[in-house]
Protein backbone atom coordinates (compact mmCIF):
# COMPACT_ATOMS: atom_id res chain seq x y z
CA UNK A 1 0.06 0.14 0.05
CA UNK A 2 1.49 3.45 -0.91
CA UNK A 3 2.06 5.82 1.61
CA UNK A 4 2.00 9.66 1.53
CA UNK A 5 5.86 9.82 1.03
CA UNK A 6 5.65 7.49 -1.99
CA UNK A 7 3.15 9.70 -3.84
CA UNK A 8 4.67 12.02 -6.56
CA UNK A 9 5.18 15.54 -5.38
CA UNK A 10 2.98 18.13 -7.20
CA UNK A 11 4.60 20.13 -9.86
CA UNK A 12 6.02 23.45 -8.48
CA UNK A 13 3.74 26.48 -9.10
CA UNK A 14 4.93 28.69 -11.84
CA UNK A 15 6.35 32.13 -10.63
CA UNK A 16 3.95 35.03 -10.43
CA UNK A 17 4.29 37.12 -13.50
CA UNK A 18 5.74 40.73 -12.62
CA UNK A 19 3.12 43.34 -12.68
CA UNK A 20 3.01 47.28 -11.92
CA UNK A 21 3.07 47.66 -8.12
CA UNK A 22 0.71 50.53 -7.92
CA UNK A 23 -0.96 53.30 -10.25
CA UNK A 24 2.32 55.52 -9.46
CA UNK A 25 4.52 52.77 -11.10
CA UNK A 26 2.24 52.61 -14.05
CA UNK A 27 2.50 56.47 -14.35
CA UNK A 28 6.46 56.46 -14.31
CA UNK A 29 6.97 53.34 -16.41
CA UNK A 30 4.84 54.96 -19.19
CA UNK A 31 6.45 58.30 -18.72
CA UNK A 32 9.74 56.66 -19.22
CA UNK A 33 8.75 54.74 -22.20
CA UNK A 34 7.10 57.76 -23.85
CA UNK A 35 10.17 59.68 -23.44
CA UNK A 36 12.25 57.09 -25.24
CA UNK A 37 9.80 57.08 -28.27
CA UNK A 38 11.56 59.19 -30.55
CA UNK A 39 10.53 58.36 -34.32
CA UNK A 40 7.92 55.96 -33.20
CA UNK A 41 7.08 54.25 -29.97
CA UNK A 42 6.12 50.67 -31.17
CA UNK A 43 9.83 49.40 -30.65
CA UNK A 44 10.18 50.86 -27.19
CA UNK A 45 6.85 49.67 -26.08
CA UNK A 46 7.51 46.03 -27.01
CA UNK A 47 10.88 46.13 -25.29
CA UNK A 48 9.79 47.70 -22.22
CA UNK A 49 6.63 45.93 -21.56
CA UNK A 50 7.74 42.35 -22.89
CA UNK A 51 11.40 42.10 -22.65
CA UNK A 52 12.29 44.23 -19.55
CA UNK A 53 9.28 44.46 -17.33
CA UNK A 54 7.60 41.19 -18.53
CA UNK A 55 4.21 42.38 -17.81
CA UNK A 56 2.91 40.63 -20.86
CA UNK A 57 4.04 37.97 -23.42
CA UNK A 58 4.93 38.52 -27.08
CA UNK A 59 1.65 36.76 -27.87
CA UNK A 60 -0.41 39.03 -25.51
CA UNK A 61 1.36 42.15 -27.06
CA UNK A 62 0.24 41.25 -30.44
CA UNK A 63 -3.22 40.63 -29.49
CA UNK A 64 -3.51 44.03 -27.30
CA UNK A 65 -1.61 45.89 -30.19
CA UNK A 66 -4.15 44.58 -32.87
CA UNK A 67 -7.16 45.79 -30.66
CA UNK A 68 -5.43 49.25 -29.79
CA UNK A 69 -4.80 49.37 -33.46
CA UNK A 70 -8.56 49.30 -34.57
CA UNK A 71 -9.52 51.57 -31.76
CA UNK A 72 -9.78 55.59 -32.65
CA UNK A 73 -6.83 57.41 -31.47
CA UNK A 74 -3.15 56.81 -31.26
CA UNK A 75 -2.13 53.17 -30.71
CA UNK A 76 -0.01 53.30 -27.99
CA UNK A 77 -2.36 55.75 -26.03
CA UNK A 78 -5.05 53.15 -26.38
CA UNK A 79 -2.58 50.36 -25.24
CA UNK A 80 -1.69 52.26 -22.09
CA UNK A 81 -5.31 52.64 -21.31
CA UNK A 82 -5.81 49.07 -21.70
CA UNK A 83 -2.95 47.85 -19.61
CA UNK A 84 -3.63 50.42 -16.77
CA UNK A 85 -7.22 49.51 -16.63
CA UNK A 86 -6.33 45.66 -16.26
CA UNK A 87 -4.41 46.15 -13.37
CA UNK A 88 -5.92 48.96 -11.34
CA UNK A 89 -9.15 49.85 -13.19
CA UNK A 90 -10.04 53.35 -13.91
CA UNK A 91 -7.34 54.68 -11.60
CA UNK A 92 -4.65 52.45 -13.61
CA UNK A 93 -6.15 53.79 -16.89
CA UNK A 94 -5.64 57.37 -15.87
CA UNK A 95 -2.30 56.93 -14.48
CA UNK A 96 -1.01 55.23 -17.65
CA UNK A 97 -2.53 57.77 -19.79
CA UNK A 98 -1.22 60.59 -17.78
CA UNK A 99 2.22 58.97 -17.90
CA UNK A 100 2.18 58.74 -21.57
CA UNK A 101 1.16 62.23 -22.20
CA UNK A 102 2.14 64.58 -19.36
CA UNK A 103 6.11 65.00 -19.65
CA UNK A 104 6.23 64.12 -23.41
CA UNK A 105 3.59 66.88 -24.14
CA UNK A 106 5.95 69.47 -22.20
CA UNK A 107 9.07 68.10 -24.00
CA UNK A 108 7.49 68.07 -27.34
CA UNK A 109 6.13 71.93 -26.86
CA UNK A 110 9.65 72.92 -25.93
CA UNK A 111 11.08 71.19 -28.93
CA UNK A 112 8.53 72.67 -31.27
CA UNK A 113 9.77 76.02 -30.15
CA UNK A 114 13.27 75.01 -30.94
CA UNK A 115 12.43 73.51 -34.22
CA UNK A 116 10.54 76.55 -35.29
CA UNK A 117 13.72 78.55 -34.73
CA UNK A 118 16.24 76.27 -36.47
CA UNK A 119 14.32 74.05 -38.91
CA UNK A 120 15.70 75.81 -41.89
CA UNK A 121 19.27 75.03 -40.89
CA UNK A 122 20.77 72.27 -43.10
CA UNK A 123 22.26 70.43 -40.04
CA UNK A 124 19.04 70.18 -38.39
CA UNK A 125 17.12 69.01 -41.65
CA UNK A 126 19.80 66.40 -42.27
CA UNK A 127 19.71 65.14 -38.65
CA UNK A 128 16.00 64.61 -38.74
CA UNK A 129 16.24 62.44 -42.09
CA UNK A 130 18.71 60.35 -40.43
CA UNK A 131 16.54 59.81 -37.57
CA UNK A 132 13.59 58.89 -39.96
CA UNK A 133 15.95 56.15 -41.32
CA UNK A 134 16.59 54.77 -37.90
CA UNK A 135 12.90 54.73 -36.92
CA UNK A 136 11.97 52.74 -40.03
CA UNK A 137 14.58 50.21 -38.84
CA UNK A 138 13.33 50.14 -35.29
CA UNK A 139 9.82 49.40 -36.56
CA UNK A 140 11.01 46.61 -39.02
CA UNK A 141 12.99 45.00 -36.19
CA UNK A 142 9.90 44.85 -33.74
CA UNK A 143 7.73 43.36 -36.73
CA UNK A 144 10.53 40.48 -37.04
CA UNK A 145 10.43 40.09 -33.27
CA UNK A 146 6.81 39.80 -33.19
CA UNK A 147 6.81 37.48 -36.22
CA UNK A 148 7.87 34.75 -34.00
CA UNK A 149 4.75 34.87 -31.77
CA UNK A 150 2.48 33.78 -34.70
CA UNK A 151 3.79 30.13 -34.14
CA UNK A 152 1.07 29.51 -31.45
CA UNK A 153 -1.52 31.31 -33.61
CA UNK A 154 -4.68 29.35 -34.16
CA UNK A 155 -4.61 29.84 -38.07
CA UNK A 156 -1.04 28.18 -38.23
CA UNK A 157 1.99 29.94 -39.67
CA UNK A 158 1.14 29.45 -43.50
CA UNK A 159 -2.04 31.39 -43.30
CA UNK A 160 -0.64 33.97 -40.94
CA UNK A 161 2.09 34.54 -43.29
CA UNK A 162 -0.52 34.96 -46.20
CA UNK A 163 -2.34 37.58 -44.17
CA UNK A 164 0.98 39.34 -43.69
CA UNK A 165 1.71 39.48 -47.15
CA UNK A 166 -1.65 40.54 -48.19
CA UNK A 167 -1.59 43.39 -45.58
CA UNK A 168 1.71 44.54 -47.06
CA UNK A 169 0.58 44.42 -50.65
CA UNK A 170 -2.54 46.28 -49.73
CA UNK A 171 -0.48 48.99 -47.87
CA UNK A 172 2.61 49.33 -50.41
CA UNK A 173 1.24 48.22 -53.84
CA UNK A 174 -2.57 48.96 -53.66
CA UNK A 175 -2.17 51.81 -51.28
CA UNK A 176 -5.41 51.11 -49.25
CA UNK A 177 -5.90 53.44 -46.52
CA UNK A 178 -5.70 51.96 -42.98
CA UNK A 179 -9.54 52.41 -42.67
CA UNK A 180 -10.01 49.86 -45.38
CA UNK A 181 -7.22 47.35 -44.51
CA UNK A 182 -8.40 46.74 -40.81
CA UNK A 183 -12.10 45.93 -41.49
CA UNK A 184 -11.21 43.90 -44.69
CA UNK A 185 -7.99 42.11 -44.14
CA UNK A 186 -8.09 42.25 -40.37
CA UNK A 187 -11.66 41.32 -40.58
CA UNK A 188 -11.11 38.25 -42.61
CA UNK A 189 -8.48 37.16 -40.30
CA UNK A 190 -10.61 37.52 -37.05
CA UNK A 191 -13.49 35.63 -38.77
CA UNK A 192 -11.29 32.67 -39.64
CA UNK A 193 -9.76 32.67 -36.21
CA UNK A 194 -13.08 32.74 -34.68
CA UNK A 195 -14.35 29.76 -36.87
CA UNK A 196 -11.11 27.86 -35.96
CA UNK A 197 -11.72 28.36 -32.34
CA UNK A 198 -15.57 27.67 -32.28
CA UNK A 199 -16.35 24.44 -30.50
């Protein structure tokens, strides 16, 4: 007869996922995130929330970003509200939104004054063009990182790749506006995923 000591021990519980400690932590986290977002904040958001703070996985980031994308307003602002609300309700949403906007707004207003004064200077114009190339590289790099997350997507990699290609063709070749791409291509992907997951 097996005794208690002979029974296999239960598997250890996974370590709790890191999460913001309070709304103030959300405020300063999104402030720091927004202040780094020169030339596009997508790369910074993914690195800070997924790789450094580990508040979400790559798969969760892709899903939340897709929702933020189809909502009106700036994507990253929508994302900050969603994450803040998830942890601390309305207080968290307001704290994250304030962190995303307050200090960057002050900085942008100051830079706008400086830019208006020196925008015609060749060195300033050249520096801004160079920063644009870096911003494009950052966005492309994030796209490559997030592409790995589709391995677990219910549609499977081939169909996901087809949707990625279709989106690029619609944007670059057909030059469809985003207002068309999201409901047409995104809607088709959502419908197929829903049918795949339906019991």
